[in-house]
Protein backbone atom coordinates (compact mmCIF):
# COMPACT_ATOMS: atom_id res chain seq x y z
CA MET A 1 42.05 51.72 105.28
CA ILE A 2 40.09 51.84 102.00
CA GLY A 3 38.15 54.95 102.91
CA MET A 4 34.75 53.27 102.70
CA ILE A 5 32.13 55.97 103.31
CA ASP A 6 28.97 53.89 102.83
CA GLY A 7 29.27 51.46 105.72
CA HIS A 8 25.99 50.69 107.47
CA GLN A 9 24.05 47.67 108.75
CA LYS A 10 22.44 46.94 105.38
CA ASN A 11 25.88 46.58 103.77
CA ILE A 12 26.87 43.65 105.97
CA MET A 13 26.10 39.98 105.30
CA ILE A 14 26.59 37.30 107.91
CA GLU A 15 27.32 33.86 106.47
CA LYS A 16 25.81 30.69 107.97
CA GLY A 17 29.14 29.96 109.68
CA GLY A 18 29.11 33.41 111.29
CA GLU A 19 31.65 34.97 108.94
CA VAL A 20 31.01 38.66 108.24
CA ARG A 21 31.05 39.93 104.64
CA LEU A 22 31.04 43.61 103.74
CA ILE A 23 29.05 44.37 100.58
CA ASP A 24 28.29 47.42 98.41
CA ASN A 25 31.81 48.81 98.43
CA GLY A 26 31.22 51.21 95.54
CA LEU A 27 32.17 54.23 97.63
CA SER A 28 35.56 52.90 98.70
CA PHE A 29 38.79 54.73 97.84
CA PRO A 30 37.19 58.22 97.99
CA ASN A 31 38.85 61.48 97.14
CA MET A 32 40.48 62.49 100.41
CA GLN A 33 39.27 66.07 99.97
CA SER A 34 35.69 64.84 100.50
CA GLY A 35 36.45 63.34 103.92
CA PHE A 36 37.24 59.91 105.31
CA TYR A 37 34.04 58.99 107.17
CA ASN A 38 30.34 59.35 106.57
CA ASN A 39 28.73 56.94 109.05
CA PHE A 40 29.12 58.79 112.34
CA ASP A 41 27.03 56.34 114.41
CA VAL A 42 29.53 53.53 113.84
CA THR A 43 32.53 55.84 113.93
CA LYS A 44 31.63 57.25 117.35
CA LEU A 45 32.09 53.78 118.84
CA VAL A 46 35.73 53.50 117.79
CA MET A 47 37.05 56.99 117.06
CA ASN A 48 40.22 58.03 118.79
CA LYS A 49 40.67 54.53 120.23
CA GLN A 50 43.97 52.68 120.17
CA ILE A 51 44.35 50.24 117.26
CA PRO A 52 45.18 46.81 118.74
CA GLU A 53 48.83 45.89 118.19
CA SER A 54 47.94 42.68 116.33
CA LEU A 55 45.90 44.69 113.81
CA LEU A 56 48.55 47.40 113.61
CA ASN A 57 51.14 44.76 112.71
CA LYS A 58 48.87 43.44 109.94
CA LEU A 59 48.43 46.97 108.59
CA LYS A 60 52.20 47.55 108.65
CA SER A 61 52.74 44.32 106.68
CA LEU A 62 50.79 45.88 103.78
CA LEU A 63 53.42 48.60 103.45
CA VAL A 64 56.47 46.40 102.85
CA ASP A 65 57.48 44.20 99.94
CA PRO A 66 56.59 41.74 98.64
CA VAL A 67 53.05 42.38 99.96
CA ARG A 68 52.91 46.05 98.90
CA THR A 69 54.03 45.29 95.33
CA GLU A 70 51.70 42.30 94.96
CA LEU A 71 48.75 44.31 96.30
CA SER A 72 49.56 47.24 94.00
CA ILE A 73 49.70 44.99 90.95
CA SER A 74 46.38 43.35 91.86
CA LEU A 75 44.67 46.69 92.45
CA GLN A 76 45.92 48.23 89.16
CA GLU A 77 43.24 46.25 87.33
CA LEU A 78 40.54 47.93 89.44
CA ILE A 79 41.63 51.44 90.41
CA SER A 80 44.10 54.15 89.39
CA GLN A 81 47.66 54.41 90.66
CA GLN A 82 46.68 57.63 92.50
CA GLU A 83 43.91 55.74 94.35
CA ILE A 84 46.36 52.96 95.21
CA GLU A 85 48.87 55.45 96.61
CA ALA A 86 46.09 57.20 98.57
CA MET A 87 45.16 53.86 100.14
CA PHE A 88 48.78 53.22 101.14
CA GLY A 89 48.91 56.78 102.51
CA ARG A 90 45.89 56.05 104.71
CA VAL A 91 47.46 52.81 105.92
CA GLN A 92 50.70 54.63 106.75
CA ALA A 93 48.81 57.38 108.58
CA LEU A 94 46.87 54.80 110.61
CA CYS A 95 50.12 53.04 111.52
CA ASP A 96 51.82 56.31 112.45
CA ALA A 97 48.92 57.49 114.62
CA GLY A 98 48.08 54.13 116.15
CA LEU A 99 44.53 55.44 116.66
CA VAL A 100 41.25 55.23 114.79
CA PRO A 101 40.84 58.75 113.34
CA VAL A 102 38.17 61.18 114.45
CA PRO A 103 35.70 62.20 111.70
CA GLY A 104 36.81 65.36 109.96
CA ASN A 105 40.48 64.60 110.57
CA ALA A 106 41.27 62.98 107.22
CA VAL A 107 43.85 60.21 107.29
CA GLY A 108 46.45 59.87 104.58
CA ASN A 109 45.54 63.06 102.74
CA VAL A 110 47.15 62.89 99.32
CA SER A 111 47.42 66.09 97.30
């Protein structure tokens, strides 16, 4: 959803309670012209697979108010409006497709 292209095992922390934390998110919200994925080893495990309906429903909830507006306002302090709209475009594309995209097939391309 956020276009993270630097996901690998060293960017994951597991808390004592077993909760997973993703770290080093500096390459999130990339320019869609540069591609959506970079870590093909992880991507190969899930690409072109159906997104579970429970997750799809959570993704869809990000696209409607009041959640969309609240998220946009929160993100404006961190990233540009164009990056926010690109993120929502990727969420919409994921919801429309219902599948995890294949590398090289950019999701939510925003021109």
